[in-house]
Amino acid sequence: DWERRGVPVRVELGPKDLEKDQVCVKMRVDSEAGKGKEFIPQA
């Protein structure tokens, strides 16, 4: 749904992310080919 609405950044957040103090980030369009999702510390 959000991909079709064109939102630039999607953040996925689950229990395992909380344990690792991270977020899973997906850009609407990847600036680098095949980059896909990134797991990044929240801060």
Full PDB file with SEQRES, HELIX, SHEET, SSBOND, CRYST1, ORIGX, SCALE, CONECT and MASTER records, all heavy atoms in Angstrom:
SEQRES   1 A   43  ASP TRP GLU ARG ARG GLY VAL PRO VAL ARG VAL GLU LEU          
SEQRES   2 A   43  GLY PRO LYS ASP LEU GLU LYS ASP GLN VAL CYS VAL LYS          
SEQRES   3 A   43  MET ARG VAL ASP SER GLU ALA GLY LYS GLY LYS GLU PHE          
SEQRES   4 A   43  ILE PRO GLN ALA                                              
HELIX    1 AA1 TRP A    2  ARG A    5  1                                   4    
HELIX    2 AA2 PRO A   15  LYS A   20  1                                   6    
SHEET    1 AA1 3 VAL A   9  GLU A  12  0                                        
SHEET    2 AA1 3 GLN A  22  MET A  27 -1                                        
SHEET    3 AA1 3 GLU A  38  PRO A  41 -1                                        
CRYST1    1.000    1.000    1.000  90.00  90.00  90.00 P 1           1          
ORIGX1      1.000000  0.000000  0.000000        0.00000                         
ORIGX2      0.000000  1.000000  0.000000        0.00000                         
ORIGX3      0.000000  0.000000  1.000000        0.00000                         
SCALE1      1.000000  0.000000  0.000000        0.00000                         
SCALE2      0.000000  1.000000  0.000000        0.00000                         
SCALE3      0.000000  0.000000  1.000000        0.00000                         
ATOM      1  N   ASP A   1       0.821  -1.207   0.000  1.00  0.00           N  
ATOM      2  CA  ASP A   1       0.000   0.000   0.000  1.00  0.00           C  
ATOM      3  C   ASP A   1       0.858   1.262   0.000  1.00  0.00           C  
ATOM      4  O   ASP A   1       0.653   2.179  -0.806  1.00  0.00           O  
ATOM      5  CB  ASP A   1      -0.912  -0.030   1.230  1.00  0.00           C  
ATOM      6  CG  ASP A   1      -1.954   1.071   1.209  1.00  0.00           C  
ATOM      7  OD1 ASP A   1      -2.366   1.482   0.109  1.00  0.00           O  
ATOM      8  OD2 ASP A   1      -2.356   1.529   2.292  1.00  0.00           O  
ATOM      9  N   TRP A   2       1.849   1.318   0.870  1.00  0.00           N  
ATOM     10  CA  TRP A   2       2.668   2.522   0.973  1.00  0.00           C  
ATOM     11  C   TRP A   2       3.601   2.685  -0.223  1.00  0.00           C  
ATOM     12  O   TRP A   2       3.926   3.816  -0.615  1.00  0.00           O  
ATOM     13  CB  TRP A   2       3.464   2.507   2.280  1.00  0.00           C  
ATOM     14  CG  TRP A   2       2.569   2.658   3.464  1.00  0.00           C  
ATOM     15  CD1 TRP A   2       2.266   1.719   4.408  1.00  0.00           C  
ATOM     16  CD2 TRP A   2       1.818   3.824   3.834  1.00  0.00           C  
ATOM     17  NE1 TRP A   2       1.387   2.212   5.331  1.00  0.00           N  
ATOM     18  CE2 TRP A   2       1.094   3.509   5.006  1.00  0.00           C  
ATOM     19  CE3 TRP A   2       1.683   5.094   3.294  1.00  0.00           C  
ATOM     20  CZ2 TRP A   2       0.256   4.412   5.637  1.00  0.00           C  
ATOM     21  CZ3 TRP A   2       0.848   6.010   3.926  1.00  0.00           C  
ATOM     22  CH2 TRP A   2       0.152   5.666   5.077  1.00  0.00           C  
ATOM     23  N   GLU A   3       4.033   1.571  -0.797  1.00  0.00           N  
ATOM     24  CA  GLU A   3       4.842   1.649  -2.001  1.00  0.00           C  
ATOM     25  C   GLU A   3       4.059   2.325  -3.122  1.00  0.00           C  
ATOM     26  O   GLU A   3       4.577   3.179  -3.843  1.00  0.00           O  
ATOM     27  CB  GLU A   3       5.263   0.237  -2.426  1.00  0.00           C  
ATOM     28  CG  GLU A   3       6.203   0.207  -3.608  1.00  0.00           C  
ATOM     29  CD  GLU A   3       6.725  -1.188  -3.895  1.00  0.00           C  
ATOM     30  OE1 GLU A   3       5.889  -2.101  -4.066  1.00  0.00           O  
ATOM     31  OE2 GLU A   3       7.947  -1.369  -3.937  1.00  0.00           O  
ATOM     32  N   ARG A   4       2.804   1.962  -3.270  1.00  0.00           N  
ATOM     33  CA  ARG A   4       1.983   2.552  -4.317  1.00  0.00           C  
ATOM     34  C   ARG A   4       1.696   4.028  -4.071  1.00  0.00           C  
ATOM     35  O   ARG A   4       1.441   4.779  -5.008  1.00  0.00           O  
ATOM     36  CB  ARG A   4       0.672   1.771  -4.447  1.00  0.00           C  
ATOM     37  CG  ARG A   4       0.934   0.338  -4.891  1.00  0.00           C  
ATOM     38  CD  ARG A   4      -0.258  -0.327  -5.501  1.00  0.00           C  
ATOM     39  NE  ARG A   4       0.213  -1.458  -6.308  1.00  0.00           N  
ATOM     40  CZ  ARG A   4      -0.509  -2.096  -7.199  1.00  0.00           C  
ATOM     41  NH1 ARG A   4      -1.753  -1.726  -7.414  1.00  0.00           N  
ATOM     42  NH2 ARG A   4      -0.012  -3.096  -7.893  1.00  0.00           N  
ATOM     43  N   ARG A   5       1.738   4.447  -2.832  1.00  0.00           N  
ATOM     44  CA  ARG A   5       1.513   5.861  -2.503  1.00  0.00           C  
ATOM     45  C   ARG A   5       2.779   6.695  -2.623  1.00  0.00           C  
ATOM     46  O   ARG A   5       2.731   7.917  -2.474  1.00  0.00           O  
ATOM     47  CB  ARG A   5       0.952   5.979  -1.088  1.00  0.00           C  
ATOM     48  CG  ARG A   5      -0.480   5.476  -0.960  1.00  0.00           C  
ATOM     49  CD  ARG A   5      -0.916   5.434   0.495  1.00  0.00           C  
ATOM     50  NE  ARG A   5      -2.309   5.091   0.633  1.00  0.00           N  
ATOM     51  CZ  ARG A   5      -3.306   5.962   0.767  1.00  0.00           C  
ATOM     52  NH1 ARG A   5      -3.030   7.252   0.768  1.00  0.00           N  
ATOM     53  NH2 ARG A   5      -4.544   5.565   0.880  1.00  0.00           N  
ATOM     54  N   GLY A   6       3.917   6.050  -2.865  1.00  0.00           N  
ATOM     55  CA  GLY A   6       5.144   6.781  -3.147  1.00  0.00           C  
ATOM     56  C   GLY A   6       5.891   7.318  -1.956  1.00  0.00           C  
ATOM     57  O   GLY A   6       6.746   8.198  -2.112  1.00  0.00           O  
ATOM     58  N   VAL A   7       5.615   6.826  -0.740  1.00  0.00           N  
ATOM     59  CA  VAL A   7       6.309   7.312   0.452  1.00  0.00           C  
ATOM     60  C   VAL A   7       7.805   6.999   0.325  1.00  0.00           C  
ATOM     61  O   VAL A   7       8.181   5.859   0.052  1.00  0.00           O  
ATOM     62  CB  VAL A   7       5.729   6.674   1.725  1.00  0.00           C  
ATOM     63  CG1 VAL A   7       6.546   7.066   2.946  1.00  0.00           C  
ATOM     64  CG2 VAL A   7       4.275   7.101   1.892  1.00  0.00           C  
ATOM     65  N   PRO A   8       8.683   7.993   0.502  1.00  0.00           N  
ATOM     66  CA  PRO A   8      10.111   7.773   0.253  1.00  0.00           C  
ATOM     67  C   PRO A   8      10.782   6.715   1.126  1.00  0.00           C  
ATOM     68  O   PRO A   8      11.633   5.968   0.642  1.00  0.00           O  
ATOM     69  CB  PRO A   8      10.726   9.157   0.518  1.00  0.00           C  
ATOM     70  CG  PRO A   8       9.620  10.118   0.254  1.00  0.00           C  
ATOM     71  CD  PRO A   8       8.380   9.416   0.728  1.00  0.00           C  
ATOM     72  N   VAL A   9      10.411   6.636   2.415  1.00  0.00           N  
ATOM     73  CA  VAL A   9      11.127   5.742   3.332  1.00  0.00           C  
ATOM     74  C   VAL A   9      10.139   4.862   4.105  1.00  0.00           C  
ATOM     75  O   VAL A   9       9.174   5.376   4.681  1.00  0.00           O  
ATOM     76  CB  VAL A   9      11.984   6.543   4.349  1.00  0.00           C  
ATOM     77  CG1 VAL A   9      12.801   5.588   5.222  1.00  0.00           C  
ATOM     78  CG2 VAL A   9      12.903   7.525   3.641  1.00  0.00           C  
ATOM     79  N   ARG A  10      10.406   3.568   4.093  1.00  0.00           N  
ATOM     80  CA  ARG A  10       9.614   2.631   4.909  1.00  0.00           C  
ATOM     81  C   ARG A  10      10.516   2.041   5.985  1.00  0.00           C  
ATOM     82  O   ARG A  10      11.632   1.608   5.698  1.00  0.00           O  
ATOM     83  CB  ARG A  10       9.061   1.510   4.038  1.00  0.00           C  
ATOM     84  CG  ARG A  10       8.122   0.576   4.776  1.00  0.00           C  
ATOM     85  CD  ARG A  10       7.575  -0.505   3.873  1.00  0.00           C  
ATOM     86  NE  ARG A  10       8.491  -1.611   3.681  1.00  0.00           N  
ATOM     87  CZ  ARG A  10       8.731  -2.197   2.502  1.00  0.00           C  
ATOM     88  NH1 ARG A  10       8.139  -1.752   1.399  1.00  0.00           N  
ATOM     89  NH2 ARG A  10       9.573  -3.211   2.414  1.00  0.00           N  
ATOM     90  N   VAL A  11      10.025   2.037   7.212  1.00  0.00           N  
ATOM     91  CA  VAL A  11      10.763   1.465   8.340  1.00  0.00           C  
ATOM     92  C   VAL A  11       9.968   0.285   8.885  1.00  0.00           C  
ATOM     93  O   VAL A  11       8.789   0.431   9.220  1.00  0.00           O  
ATOM     94  CB  VAL A  11      10.987   2.510   9.461  1.00  0.00           C  
ATOM     95  CG1 VAL A  11      11.610   1.859  10.679  1.00  0.00           C  
ATOM     96  CG2 VAL A  11      11.868   3.647   8.955  1.00  0.00           C  
ATOM     97  N   GLU A  12      10.603  -0.867   8.962  1.00  0.00           N  
ATOM     98  CA  GLU A  12       9.981  -2.052   9.559  1.00  0.00           C  
ATOM     99  C   GLU A  12      10.592  -2.253  10.936  1.00  0.00           C  
ATOM    100  O   GLU A  12      11.813  -2.178  11.104  1.00  0.00           O  
ATOM    101  CB  GLU A  12      10.212  -3.267   8.666  1.00  0.00           C  
ATOM    102  CG  GLU A  12       9.672  -3.071   7.252  1.00  0.00           C  
ATOM    103  CD  GLU A  12      10.157  -4.140   6.291  1.00  0.00           C  
ATOM    104  OE1 GLU A  12      10.489  -5.254   6.762  1.00  0.00           O  
ATOM    105  OE2 GLU A  12      10.214  -3.874   5.068  1.00  0.00           O  
ATOM    106  N   LEU A  13       9.729  -2.525  11.886  1.00  0.00           N  
ATOM    107  CA  LEU A  13      10.192  -2.608  13.272  1.00  0.00           C  
ATOM    108  C   LEU A  13       9.516  -3.776  13.978  1.00  0.00           C  
ATOM    109  O   LEU A  13       8.287  -3.794  14.130  1.00  0.00           O  
ATOM    110  CB  LEU A  13       9.874  -1.298  14.004  1.00  0.00           C  
ATOM    111  CG  LEU A  13      10.429  -1.125  15.411  1.00  0.00           C  
ATOM    112  CD1 LEU A  13      11.953  -1.073  15.391  1.00  0.00           C  
ATOM    113  CD2 LEU A  13       9.875   0.145  16.044  1.00  0.00           C  
ATOM    114  N   GLY A  14      10.317  -4.774  14.380  1.00  0.00           N  
ATOM    115  CA  GLY A  14       9.795  -5.940  15.084  1.00  0.00           C  
ATOM    116  C   GLY A  14      10.575  -6.220  16.352  1.00  0.00           C  
ATOM    117  O   GLY A  14      11.551  -5.513  16.661  1.00  0.00           O  
ATOM    118  N   PRO A  15      10.193  -7.277  17.103  1.00  0.00           N  
ATOM    119  CA  PRO A  15      10.855  -7.603  18.372  1.00  0.00           C  
ATOM    120  C   PRO A  15      12.357  -7.835  18.225  1.00  0.00           C  
ATOM    121  O   PRO A  15      13.145  -7.411  19.083  1.00  0.00           O  
ATOM    122  CB  PRO A  15      10.138  -8.873  18.825  1.00  0.00           C  
ATOM    123  CG  PRO A  15       8.810  -8.807  18.173  1.00  0.00           C  
ATOM    124  CD  PRO A  15       9.042  -8.153  16.854  1.00  0.00           C  
ATOM    125  N   LYS A  16      12.774  -8.513  17.173  1.00  0.00           N  
ATOM    126  CA  LYS A  16      14.204  -8.761  16.983  1.00  0.00           C  
ATOM    127  C   LYS A  16      14.963  -7.472  16.742  1.00  0.00           C  
ATOM    128  O   LYS A  16      16.129  -7.339  17.126  1.00  0.00           O  
ATOM    129  CB  LYS A  16      14.413  -9.736  15.831  1.00  0.00           C  
ATOM    130  CG  LYS A  16      13.930 -11.148  16.136  1.00  0.00           C  
ATOM    131  CD  LYS A  16      14.222 -12.090  14.981  1.00  0.00           C  
ATOM    132  CE  LYS A  16      13.715 -13.498  15.273  1.00  0.00           C  
ATOM    133  NZ  LYS A  16      13.967 -14.425  14.133  1.00  0.00           N  
ATOM    134  N   ASP A  17      14.301  -6.507  16.081  1.00  0.00           N  
ATOM    135  CA  ASP A  17      14.935  -5.204  15.877  1.00  0.00           C  
ATOM    136  C   ASP A  17      15.142  -4.486  17.203  1.00  0.00           C  
ATOM    137  O   ASP A  17      16.165  -3.822  17.401  1.00  0.00           O  
ATOM    138  CB  ASP A  17      14.075  -4.336  14.949  1.00  0.00           C  
ATOM    139  CG  ASP A  17      13.920  -4.929  13.562  1.00  0.00           C  
ATOM    140  OD1 ASP A  17      14.944  -5.323  12.977  1.00  0.00           O  
ATOM    141  OD2 ASP A  17      12.784  -5.021  13.077  1.00  0.00           O  
ATOM    142  N   LEU A  18      14.169  -4.628  18.101  1.00  0.00           N  
ATOM    143  CA  LEU A  18      14.309  -4.003  19.417  1.00  0.00           C  
ATOM    144  C   LEU A  18      15.487  -4.596  20.176  1.00  0.00           C  
ATOM    145  O   LEU A  18      16.244  -3.879  20.845  1.00  0.00           O  
ATOM    146  CB  LEU A  18      13.026  -4.176  20.231  1.00  0.00           C  
ATOM    147  CG  LEU A  18      11.740  -3.563  19.653  1.00  0.00           C  
ATOM    148  CD1 LEU A  18      10.616  -3.652  20.680  1.00  0.00           C  
ATOM    149  CD2 LEU A  18      11.957  -2.113  19.239  1.00  0.00           C  
ATOM    150  N   GLU A  19      15.647  -5.928  20.079  1.00  0.00           N  
ATOM    151  CA  GLU A  19      16.758  -6.593  20.772  1.00  0.00           C  
ATOM    152  C   GLU A  19      18.101  -6.078  20.263  1.00  0.00           C  
ATOM    153  O   GLU A  19      19.068  -5.968  21.038  1.00  0.00           O  
ATOM    154  CB  GLU A  19      16.675  -8.100  20.554  1.00  0.00           C  
ATOM    155  CG  GLU A  19      15.478  -8.766  21.224  1.00  0.00           C  
ATOM    156  CD  GLU A  19      15.346 -10.233  20.828  1.00  0.00           C  
ATOM    157  OE1 GLU A  19      16.282 -10.751  20.177  1.00  0.00           O  
ATOM    158  OE2 GLU A  19      14.320 -10.853  21.173  1.00  0.00           O  
ATOM    159  N   LYS A  20      18.159  -5.768  18.972  1.00  0.00           N  
ATOM    160  CA  LYS A  20      19.419  -5.323  18.366  1.00  0.00           C  
ATOM    161  C   LYS A  20      19.512  -3.801  18.281  1.00  0.00           C  
ATOM    162  O   LYS A  20      20.495  -3.276  17.738  1.00  0.00           O  
ATOM    163  CB  LYS A  20      19.566  -5.925  16.968  1.00  0.00           C  
ATOM    164  CG  LYS A  20      19.605  -7.444  16.966  1.00  0.00           C  
ATOM    165  CD  LYS A  20      19.649  -7.985  15.539  1.00  0.00           C  
ATOM    166  CE  LYS A  20      19.624  -9.518  15.523  1.00  0.00           C  
ATOM    167  NZ  LYS A  20      19.655 -10.048  14.134  1.00  0.00           N  
ATOM    168  N   ASP A  21      18.491  -3.109  18.783  1.00  0.00           N  
ATOM    169  CA  ASP A  21      18.457  -1.650  18.747  1.00  0.00           C  
ATOM    170  C   ASP A  21      18.648  -1.136  17.311  1.00  0.00           C  
ATOM    171  O   ASP A  21      19.390  -0.201  17.065  1.00  0.00           O  
ATOM    172  CB  ASP A  21      19.533  -1.063  19.659  1.00  0.00           C  
ATOM    173  CG  ASP A  21      19.304   0.429  19.926  1.00  0.00           C  
ATOM    174  OD1 ASP A  21      18.129   0.841  19.926  1.00  0.00           O  
ATOM    175  OD2 ASP A  21      20.286   1.163  20.102  1.00  0.00           O  
ATOM    176  N   GLN A  22      17.890  -1.734  16.380  1.00  0.00           N  
ATOM    177  CA  GLN A  22      18.027  -1.382  14.975  1.00  0.00           C  
ATOM    178  C   GLN A  22      16.660  -1.174  14.339  1.00  0.00           C  
ATOM    179  O   GLN A  22      15.615  -1.418  14.960  1.00  0.00           O  
ATOM    180  CB  GLN A  22      18.752  -2.515  14.217  1.00  0.00           C  
ATOM    181  CG  GLN A  22      17.907  -3.779  14.124  1.00  0.00           C  
ATOM    182  CD  GLN A  22      18.587  -4.911  13.386  1.00  0.00           C  
ATOM    183  OE1 GLN A  22      19.816  -4.924  13.242  1.00  0.00           O  
ATOM    184  NE2 GLN A  22      17.821  -5.886  12.928  1.00  0.00           N  
ATOM    185  N   VAL A  23      16.673  -0.709  13.104  1.00  0.00           N  
ATOM    186  CA  VAL A  23      15.469  -0.649  12.278  1.00  0.00           C  
ATOM    187  C   VAL A  23      15.809  -1.243  10.915  1.00  0.00           C  
ATOM    188  O   VAL A  23      16.974  -1.228  10.486  1.00  0.00           O  
ATOM    189  CB  VAL A  23      14.938   0.788  12.101  1.00  0.00           C  
ATOM    190  CG1 VAL A  23      14.378   1.323  13.398  1.00  0.00           C  
ATOM    191  CG2 VAL A  23      16.019   1.701  11.545  1.00  0.00           C  
ATOM    192  N   CYS A  24      14.791  -1.770  10.251  1.00  0.00           N  
ATOM    193  CA  CYS A  24      14.946  -2.247   8.881  1.00  0.00           C  
ATOM    194  C   CYS A  24      14.393  -1.154   7.967  1.00  0.00           C  
ATOM    195  O   CYS A  24      13.227  -0.778   8.080  1.00  0.00           O  
ATOM    196  CB  CYS A  24      14.190  -3.553   8.684  1.00  0.00           C  
ATOM    197  SG  CYS A  24      14.212  -4.150   6.977  1.00  0.00           S  
ATOM    198  N   VAL A  25      15.228  -0.628   7.075  1.00  0.00           N  
ATOM    199  CA  VAL A  25      14.867   0.517   6.246  1.00  0.00           C  
ATOM    200  C   VAL A  25      14.811   0.113   4.776  1.00  0.00           C  
ATOM    201  O   VAL A  25      15.720  -0.554   4.269  1.00  0.00           O  
ATOM    202  CB  VAL A  25      15.881   1.670   6.423  1.00  0.00           C  
ATOM    203  CG1 VAL A  25      15.524   2.844   5.523  1.00  0.00           C  
ATOM    204  CG2 VAL A  25      15.926   2.106   7.878  1.00  0.00           C  
ATOM    205  N   LYS A  26      13.746   0.537   4.100  1.00  0.00           N  
ATOM    206  CA  LYS A  26      13.614   0.291   2.663  1.00  0.00           C  
ATOM    207  C   LYS A  26      13.238   1.614   2.005  1.00  0.00           C  
ATOM    208  O   LYS A  26      12.215   2.220   2.325  1.00  0.00           O  
ATOM    209  CB  LYS A  26      12.529  -0.749   2.395  1.00  0.00           C  
ATOM    210  CG  LYS A  26      12.272  -1.001   0.904  1.00  0.00           C  
ATOM    211  CD  LYS A  26      13.452  -1.704   0.273  1.00  0.00           C  
ATOM    212  CE  LYS A  26      13.126  -2.164  -1.157  1.00  0.00           C  
ATOM    213  NZ  LYS A  26      12.962  -1.009  -2.081  1.00  0.00           N  
ATOM    214  N   MET A  27      14.079   2.075   1.075  1.00  0.00           N  
ATOM    215  CA  MET A  27      13.777   3.284   0.316  1.00  0.00           C  
ATOM    216  C   MET A  27      12.811   2.937  -0.810  1.00  0.00           C  
ATOM    217  O   MET A  27      12.846   1.829  -1.355  1.00  0.00           O  
ATOM    218  CB  MET A  27      15.060   3.890  -0.266  1.00  0.00           C  
ATOM    219  CG  MET A  27      16.108   4.253   0.764  1.00  0.00           C  
ATOM    220  SD  MET A  27      15.553   5.488   1.962  1.00  0.00           S  
ATOM    221  CE  MET A  27      15.357   6.929   0.895  1.00  0.00           C  
ATOM    222  N   ARG A  28      11.956   3.895  -1.181  1.00  0.00           N  
ATOM    223  CA  ARG A  28      10.988   3.640  -2.252  1.00  0.00           C  
ATOM    224  C   ARG A  28      11.685   3.329  -3.572  1.00  0.00           C  
ATOM    225  O   ARG A  28      11.238   2.466  -4.342  1.00  0.00           O  
ATOM    226  CB  ARG A  28      10.067   4.866  -2.421  1.00  0.00           C  
ATOM    227  CG  ARG A  28       9.080   4.759  -3.567  1.00  0.00           C  
ATOM    228  CD  ARG A  28       8.190   3.530  -3.437  1.00  0.00           C  
ATOM    229  NE  ARG A  28       7.285   3.416  -4.571  1.00  0.00           N  
ATOM    230  CZ  ARG A  28       7.602   2.862  -5.746  1.00  0.00           C  
ATOM    231  NH1 ARG A  28       8.829   2.382  -5.953  1.00  0.00           N  
ATOM    232  NH2 ARG A  28       6.715   2.781  -6.710  1.00  0.00           N  
ATOM    233  N   VAL A  29      12.779   4.018  -3.850  1.00  0.00           N  
ATOM    234  CA  VAL A  29      13.610   3.705  -5.008  1.00  0.00           C  
ATOM    235  C   VAL A  29      15.043   3.622  -4.513  1.00  0.00           C  
ATOM    236  O   VAL A  29      15.532   4.535  -3.859  1.00  0.00           O  
ATOM    237  CB  VAL A  29      13.497   4.789  -6.108  1.00  0.00           C  
ATOM    238  CG1 VAL A  29      14.456   4.486  -7.250  1.00  0.00           C  
ATOM    239  CG2 VAL A  29      12.064   4.876  -6.629  1.00  0.00           C  
ATOM    240  N   ASP A  30      15.710   2.527  -4.801  1.00  0.00           N  
ATOM    241  CA  ASP A  30      17.090   2.350  -4.344  1.00  0.00           C  
ATOM    242  C   ASP A  30      18.034   3.152  -5.214  1.00  0.00           C  
ATOM    243  O   ASP A  30      18.013   3.049  -6.439  1.00  0.00           O  
ATOM    244  CB  ASP A  30      17.491   0.867  -4.396  1.00  0.00           C  
ATOM    245  CG  ASP A  30      16.643   0.019  -3.460  1.00  0.00           C  
ATOM    246  OD1 ASP A  30      16.311   0.524  -2.369  1.00  0.00           O  
ATOM    247  OD2 ASP A  30      16.311  -1.121  -3.821  1.00  0.00           O  
ATOM    248  N   SER A  31      18.878   3.941  -4.584  1.00  0.00           N  
ATOM    249  CA  SER A  31      19.844   4.725  -5.343  1.00  0.00           C  
ATOM    250  C   SER A  31      20.991   3.862  -5.839  1.00  0.00           C  
ATOM    251  O   SER A  31      21.697   4.220  -6.774  1.00  0.00           O  
ATOM    252  CB  SER A  31      20.395   5.870  -4.478  1.00  0.00           C  
ATOM    253  OG  SER A  31      20.979   5.362  -3.296  1.00  0.00           O  
ATOM    254  N   GLU A  32      21.188   2.710  -5.197  1.00  0.00           N  
ATOM    255  CA  GLU A  32      22.222   1.774  -5.635  1.00  0.00           C  
ATOM    256  C   GLU A  32      21.541   0.462  -6.009  1.00  0.00           C  
ATOM    257  O   GLU A  32      20.735  -0.072  -5.249  1.00  0.00           O  
ATOM    258  CB  GLU A  32      23.238   1.531  -4.519  1.00  0.00           C  
ATOM    259  CG  GLU A  32      23.972   2.796  -4.081  1.00  0.00           C  
ATOM    260  CD  GLU A  32      24.882   2.534  -2.899  1.00  0.00           C  
ATOM    261  OE1 GLU A  32      25.269   1.365  -2.712  1.00  0.00           O  
ATOM    262  OE2 GLU A  32      25.189   3.483  -2.168  1.00  0.00           O  
ATOM    263  N   ALA A  33      21.873  -0.064  -7.179  1.00  0.00           N  
ATOM    264  CA  ALA A  33      21.223  -1.264  -7.691  1.00  0.00           C  
ATOM    265  C   ALA A  33      21.348  -2.417  -6.706  1.00  0.00           C  
ATOM    266  O   ALA A  33      22.433  -2.727  -6.212  1.00  0.00           O  
ATOM    267  CB  ALA A  33      21.836  -1.651  -9.034  1.00  0.00           C  
ATOM    268  N   GLY A  34      20.212  -3.053  -6.427  1.00  0.00           N  
ATOM    269  CA  GLY A  34      20.197  -4.241  -5.580  1.00  0.00           C  
ATOM    270  C   GLY A  34      20.404  -3.982  -4.104  1.00  0.00           C  
ATOM    271  O   GLY A  34      20.606  -4.911  -3.319  1.00  0.00           O  
ATOM    272  N   LYS A  35      20.382  -2.737  -3.687  1.00  0.00           N  
ATOM    273  CA  LYS A  35      20.659  -2.439  -2.280  1.00  0.00           C  
ATOM    274  C   LYS A  35      19.564  -2.975  -1.370  1.00  0.00           C  
ATOM    275  O   LYS A  35      19.826  -3.552  -0.325  1.00  0.00           O  
ATOM    276  CB  LYS A  35      20.828  -0.937  -2.085  1.00  0.00           C  
ATOM    277  CG  LYS A  35      21.440  -0.576  -0.747  1.00  0.00           C  
ATOM    278  CD  LYS A  35      21.880   0.875  -0.739  1.00  0.00           C  
ATOM    279  CE  LYS A  35      22.609   1.206   0.560  1.00  0.00           C  
ATOM    280  NZ  LYS A  35      23.093   2.595   0.571  1.00  0.00           N  
ATOM    281  N   GLY A  36      18.305  -2.809  -1.776  1.00  0.00           N  
ATOM    282  CA  GLY A  36      17.195  -3.374  -1.023  1.00  0.00           C  
ATOM    283  C   GLY A  36      17.101  -2.843   0.391  1.00  0.00           C  
ATOM    284  O   GLY A  36      17.305  -1.656   0.651  1.00  0.00           O  
ATOM    285  N   LYS A  37      16.831  -3.749   1.333  1.00  0.00           N  
ATOM    286  CA  LYS A  37      16.651  -3.346   2.733  1.00  0.00           C  
ATOM    287  C   LYS A  37      17.992  -3.192   3.431  1.00  0.00           C  
ATOM    288  O   LYS A  37      18.965  -3.878   3.129  1.00  0.00           O  
ATOM    289  CB  LYS A  37      15.814  -4.397   3.460  1.00  0.00           C  
ATOM    290  CG  LYS A  37      14.382  -4.500   2.958  1.00  0.00           C  
ATOM    291  CD  LYS A  37      13.618  -5.541   3.756  1.00  0.00           C  
ATOM    292  CE  LYS A  37      12.176  -5.637   3.275  1.00  0.00           C  
ATOM    293  NZ  LYS A  37      11.404  -6.651   4.041  1.00  0.00           N  
ATOM    294  N   GLU A  38      17.998  -2.274   4.404  1.00  0.00           N  
ATOM    295  CA  GLU A  38      19.177  -2.057   5.230  1.00  0.00           C  
ATOM    296  C   GLU A  38      18.788  -2.192   6.694  1.00  0.00           C  
ATOM    297  O   GLU A  38      17.729  -1.718   7.104  1.00  0.00           O  
ATOM    298  CB  GLU A  38      19.743  -0.653   5.014  1.00  0.00           C  
ATOM    299  CG  GLU A  38      20.191  -0.334   3.608  1.00  0.00           C  
ATOM    300  CD  GLU A  38      20.652   1.111   3.511  1.00  0.00           C  
ATOM    301  OE1 GLU A  38      21.773   1.398   3.970  1.00  0.00           O  
ATOM    302  OE2 GLU A  38      19.881   1.946   3.024  1.00  0.00           O  
ATOM    303  N   PHE A  39      19.641  -2.830   7.470  1.00  0.00           N  
ATOM    304  CA  PHE A  39      19.449  -2.906   8.912  1.00  0.00           C  
ATOM    305  C   PHE A  39      20.418  -1.913   9.549  1.00  0.00           C  
ATOM    306  O   PHE A  39      21.636  -2.043   9.419  1.00  0.00           O  
ATOM    307  CB  PHE A  39      19.690  -4.329   9.413  1.00  0.00           C  
ATOM    308  CG  PHE A  39      18.637  -5.292   8.942  1.00  0.00           C  
ATOM    309  CD1 PHE A  39      18.769  -5.946   7.725  1.00  0.00           C  
ATOM    310  CD2 PHE A  39      17.489  -5.522   9.696  1.00  0.00           C  
ATOM    311  CE1 PHE A  39      17.790  -6.818   7.272  1.00  0.00           C  
ATOM    312  CE2 PHE A  39      16.505  -6.392   9.257  1.00  0.00           C  
ATOM    313  CZ  PHE A  39      16.658  -7.038   8.027  1.00  0.00           C  
ATOM    314  N   ILE A  40      19.856  -0.893  10.205  1.00  0.00           N  
ATOM    315  CA  ILE A  40      20.634   0.247  10.672  1.00  0.00           C  
ATOM    316  C   ILE A  40      20.341   0.488  12.158  1.00  0.00           C  
ATOM    317  O   ILE A  40      19.171   0.425  12.575  1.00  0.00           O  
ATOM    318  CB  ILE A  40      20.264   1.519   9.875  1.00  0.00           C  
ATOM    319  CG1 ILE A  40      20.392   1.272   8.365  1.00  0.00           C  
ATOM    320  CG2 ILE A  40      21.139   2.693  10.293  1.00  0.00           C  
ATOM    321  CD1 ILE A  40      19.837   2.406   7.532  1.00  0.00           C  
ATOM    322  N   PRO A  41      21.354   0.788  12.954  1.00  0.00           N  
ATOM    323  CA  PRO A  41      21.090   1.172  14.349  1.00  0.00           C  
ATOM    324  C   PRO A  41      20.102   2.342  14.394  1.00  0.00           C  
ATOM    325  O   PRO A  41      20.182   3.262  13.567  1.00  0.00           O  
ATOM    326  CB  PRO A  41      22.470   1.571  14.873  1.00  0.00           C  
ATOM    327  CG  PRO A  41      23.437   0.808  14.019  1.00  0.00           C  
ATOM    328  CD  PRO A  41      22.803   0.742  12.657  1.00  0.00           C  
ATOM    329  N   GLN A  42      19.187   2.301  15.335  1.00  0.00           N  
ATOM    330  CA  GLN A  42      18.145   3.332  15.396  1.00  0.00           C  
ATOM    331  C   GLN A  42      18.732   4.744  15.465  1.00  0.00           C  
ATOM    332  O   GLN A  42      18.284   5.649  14.751  1.00  0.00           O  
ATOM    333  CB  GLN A  42      17.247   3.079  16.599  1.00  0.00           C  
ATOM    334  CG  GLN A  42      16.374   1.844  16.478  1.00  0.00           C  
ATOM    335  CD  GLN A  42      15.462   1.657  17.688  1.00  0.00           C  
ATOM    336  OE1 GLN A  42      15.221   2.597  18.444  1.00  0.00           O  
ATOM    337  NE2 GLN A  42      14.960   0.451  17.868  1.00  0.00           N  
ATOM    338  N   ALA A  43      19.730   4.930  16.313  1.00  0.00           N  
ATOM    339  CA  ALA A  43      20.311   6.262  16.477  1.00  0.00           C  
ATOM    340  C   ALA A  43      20.950   6.732  15.171  1.00  0.00           C  
ATOM    341  O   ALA A  43      20.848   7.909  14.806  1.00  0.00           O  
ATOM    342  CB  ALA A  43      21.352   6.249  17.597  1.00  0.00           C  
TER     343      ALA A  43                                                      
MASTER        0    0    0    2    3    0    0    6  342    1    0    4          
END                                                                             
